[in-house]
Protein backbone atom coordinates (compact mmCIF):
# COMPACT_ATOMS: atom_id res chain seq x y z
CA MET A 1 30.83 -33.69 24.21
CA VAL A 2 32.37 -34.01 27.64
CA ALA A 3 33.49 -37.50 28.67
CA ARG A 4 34.05 -38.60 32.25
CA PRO A 5 35.69 -42.03 32.30
CA SER A 6 35.73 -43.85 35.63
CA PHE A 7 39.48 -44.42 35.82
CA SER A 8 41.21 -41.95 33.51
CA PRO A 9 41.24 -38.18 32.91
CA GLU A 10 38.23 -36.38 31.48
CA TYR A 11 38.21 -35.04 27.94
CA ALA A 12 36.06 -32.84 25.72
CA ILE A 13 35.33 -32.55 22.01
CA ILE A 14 34.41 -29.02 20.93
CA LEU A 15 33.11 -27.76 17.59
CA ARG A 16 33.54 -24.01 17.55
CA HIS A 17 33.10 -21.08 15.17
CA GLU A 18 36.01 -18.67 15.62
CA ILE A 19 35.50 -15.13 14.33
CA LYS A 20 38.08 -12.39 14.75
CA TYR A 21 37.29 -8.78 13.93
CA SER A 22 39.65 -6.00 12.91
CA ASP A 23 40.92 -3.75 15.70
CA HIS A 24 39.78 -0.56 14.01
CA PRO A 25 36.75 0.84 15.93
CA ILE A 26 35.22 2.66 12.96
CA ASP A 27 35.94 0.21 10.15
CA GLU A 28 35.24 -3.06 11.98
CA HIS A 29 35.20 -6.04 9.64
CA VAL A 30 35.77 -9.78 9.90
CA LYS A 31 39.49 -10.47 9.83
CA SER A 32 39.25 -14.24 10.31
CA ASP A 33 36.33 -16.68 10.10
CA LYS A 34 36.88 -20.41 10.63
CA TRP A 35 35.39 -23.55 12.15
CA VAL A 36 37.51 -25.68 14.46
CA VAL A 37 37.19 -29.12 16.06
CA GLU A 38 39.19 -29.32 19.27
CA PHE A 39 40.10 -32.24 21.54
CA VAL A 40 40.97 -31.23 25.12
CA LYS A 41 42.09 -33.76 27.74
CA ALA A 42 43.02 -33.14 31.37
CA LYS A 43 46.47 -34.44 32.35
CA LYS A 44 45.06 -35.78 35.65
CA PRO A 45 41.48 -36.72 36.62
CA ILE A 46 39.36 -33.73 37.61
CA TRP A 47 36.44 -35.60 39.25
CA ARG A 48 37.70 -37.48 42.30
CA TRP A 49 36.14 -38.89 45.42
CA LYS A 50 37.74 -37.80 48.69
CA GLU A 51 37.61 -40.17 51.69
CA LEU A 52 36.12 -38.40 54.72
CA GLY A 53 36.44 -41.34 57.10
CA GLY A 54 33.78 -43.59 58.53
CA GLY A 55 32.93 -44.91 55.05
CA ARG A 56 31.90 -41.46 53.86
CA MET A 57 33.15 -39.79 50.69
CA LYS A 58 32.59 -36.49 48.95
CA LEU A 59 33.13 -35.35 45.41
CA ASP A 60 36.35 -33.33 45.21
CA ILE A 61 36.56 -31.57 41.84
CA GLN A 62 40.10 -30.44 41.01
CA VAL A 63 40.17 -27.37 38.75
CA THR A 64 43.13 -27.51 36.40
CA MET A 65 44.64 -25.72 33.45
CA GLU A 66 46.96 -28.67 32.80
CA VAL A 67 45.40 -30.02 29.64
CA THR A 68 46.46 -31.35 26.27
CA ARG A 69 44.88 -29.62 23.28
CA LYS A 70 44.70 -30.76 19.66
CA ARG A 71 42.71 -28.99 16.98
CA ALA A 72 41.82 -29.13 13.32
CA GLU A 73 40.21 -26.55 11.10
CA VAL A 74 37.12 -27.83 9.26
CA THR A 75 34.85 -26.39 6.59
CA ARG A 76 31.63 -24.54 7.32
CA GLU A 77 29.70 -27.27 5.44
CA PHE A 78 31.25 -30.00 7.61
CA ALA A 79 30.40 -28.04 10.77
CA GLN A 80 26.80 -27.65 9.61
CA VAL A 81 26.40 -31.41 9.02
CA ILE A 82 27.84 -32.20 12.46
CA SER A 83 25.75 -29.50 14.17
CA LYS A 84 22.56 -30.77 12.50
CA ALA A 85 23.25 -34.32 13.79
CA TRP A 86 24.03 -33.08 17.30
CA GLU A 87 20.83 -31.04 17.38
CA ALA A 88 18.70 -33.90 15.97
CA ALA A 89 20.06 -36.34 18.56
CA LEU A 90 19.58 -33.96 21.48
CA GLU A 91 16.04 -33.09 20.42
CA GLN A 92 15.25 -36.78 20.93
CA THR A 93 16.82 -36.91 24.41
CA ARG A 94 14.59 -38.50 27.00
CA TYR A 95 15.44 -39.22 30.59
CA SER A 96 14.91 -42.68 31.95
CA ASP A 97 13.03 -43.51 35.14
CA SER A 98 15.94 -45.79 36.09
CA ASP A 99 19.51 -44.83 36.96
CA TYR A 100 21.76 -46.51 34.44
CA GLY A 101 25.03 -45.18 35.89
CA GLY A 102 27.72 -47.42 37.25
CA CYS A 103 31.21 -47.47 38.68
CA ASP A 104 33.28 -48.60 35.72
CA GLY A 105 31.84 -47.01 32.63
CA GLU A 106 32.00 -43.62 30.99
CA THR A 107 29.55 -40.74 31.35
CA TYR A 108 29.06 -38.56 28.27
CA GLN A 109 27.45 -35.14 28.38
CA PHE A 110 26.31 -33.35 25.23
CA CYS A 111 25.32 -29.77 24.59
CA TYR A 112 24.07 -27.89 21.55
CA PHE A 113 22.92 -24.34 22.37
CA ASN A 114 20.05 -24.91 24.84
CA LEU A 115 19.75 -28.68 24.30
CA PHE A 116 21.46 -31.06 26.73
CA GLY A 117 21.77 -34.80 27.11
CA GLU A 118 23.73 -37.40 29.01
CA ALA A 119 24.48 -41.07 28.45
CA TRP A 120 26.35 -43.63 30.48
CA SER A 121 28.34 -46.17 28.43
CA PRO A 122 25.73 -46.32 25.62
CA GLU A 123 25.48 -49.67 23.88
CA GLY A 124 23.36 -48.82 20.85
CA GLY A 125 21.00 -46.52 19.01
CA ILE A 126 21.38 -42.78 18.68
CA PRO A 127 23.17 -42.41 22.06
CA ARG A 128 25.92 -44.77 20.87
CA MET A 129 26.11 -43.15 17.44
CA ILE A 130 26.46 -39.61 18.84
CA THR A 131 29.15 -40.86 21.23
CA ASP A 132 30.96 -42.57 18.34
CA LEU A 133 30.70 -39.33 16.34
CA GLY A 134 32.29 -37.46 19.24
CA HIS A 135 35.19 -39.93 19.29
CA LEU A 136 35.65 -39.60 15.52
CA LEU A 137 35.74 -35.81 15.89
CA GLY A 138 38.37 -36.19 18.60
CA ASP A 139 40.43 -38.41 16.31
CA LEU A 140 40.06 -35.82 13.54
CA ALA A 141 41.42 -33.10 15.83
CA LYS A 142 44.41 -35.29 16.77
CA GLN A 143 45.34 -36.37 13.22
CA ASP A 144 47.82 -34.64 10.98
CA HIS A 145 46.34 -32.83 8.01
CA ALA A 146 47.18 -35.56 5.47
CA SER A 147 45.21 -38.24 7.39
CA ARG A 148 41.99 -36.30 7.88
CA ASP A 149 40.06 -37.00 4.64
CA GLU A 150 38.99 -40.52 5.63
CA LEU A 151 37.90 -39.32 9.09
CA VAL A 152 35.92 -36.44 7.58
CA THR A 153 34.06 -38.94 5.37
CA LYS A 154 33.34 -41.22 8.36
CA CYS A 155 32.10 -38.26 10.42
CA VAL A 156 29.78 -37.01 7.67
CA THR A 157 28.39 -40.51 7.01
CA LEU A 158 27.67 -41.10 10.71
CA ALA A 159 26.25 -37.58 11.21
CA ASN A 160 23.87 -38.09 8.28
CA LYS A 161 22.74 -41.44 9.72
CA ILE A 162 22.09 -39.84 13.12
CA THR A 163 20.07 -37.04 11.52
CA ALA A 164 18.04 -39.52 9.44
CA ASP A 165 17.37 -41.89 12.38
CA ALA A 166 16.38 -39.03 14.68
CA GLY A 167 14.09 -37.67 11.94
CA LYS A 168 12.37 -41.05 11.59
CA LEU A 169 11.81 -41.18 15.36
CA LYS A 170 10.39 -37.66 15.34
CA GLN A 171 8.03 -38.37 12.43
CA ALA A 172 6.81 -41.57 14.04
CA GLY A 173 6.18 -39.71 17.29
CA GLY A 174 8.53 -42.17 18.90
CA ARG A 175 10.87 -41.63 21.75
CA GLN A 176 14.52 -42.42 21.90
CA PRO A 177 15.01 -45.42 24.20
CA PRO A 178 17.31 -44.99 27.21
CA ALA A 179 21.01 -45.02 26.38
CA ARG A 180 21.54 -48.33 28.17
CA VAL A 181 19.17 -51.26 28.50
CA GLU A 182 19.10 -53.15 31.79
CA SER A 183 20.26 -56.74 31.51
CA LYS A 184 17.82 -59.42 32.63
């Protein structure tokens, strides 16, 4: 999940499988195999608008290596539950005919292999749940080891709910509603 808040630095939540192999070219074997949740936040905003004069602006993306990183190792089983929820949610992604973006919200982008989705300040449903799951995963990466058990339980519970709700939508032939409903 990549988050682009309107007025603060961007951040990402990454679930990654890290495999390291031995250095021996003939007897190559797995030396290390682990799953990691990582929280990465830019120290300064990356997406900025640059004033060109005459009321015109252009997007000025600032590439940076100045980031804060926090990470936590997780079990393979935990990673599978989270991945299944991410995939189920993104399989239900539908794009709205309306533009729900705004100036003072937060844009979230999601990716799972070849599935992609985006939500702007989601208020409910699967878009809100997957965003909440991303935030819980970020909290998990930032916590010390002793405080992680409760967050792991919350993540698994929410991931299972996302998977179940997305499965119900799929079986019913339904479509996920847009991430944000226009106010009347």
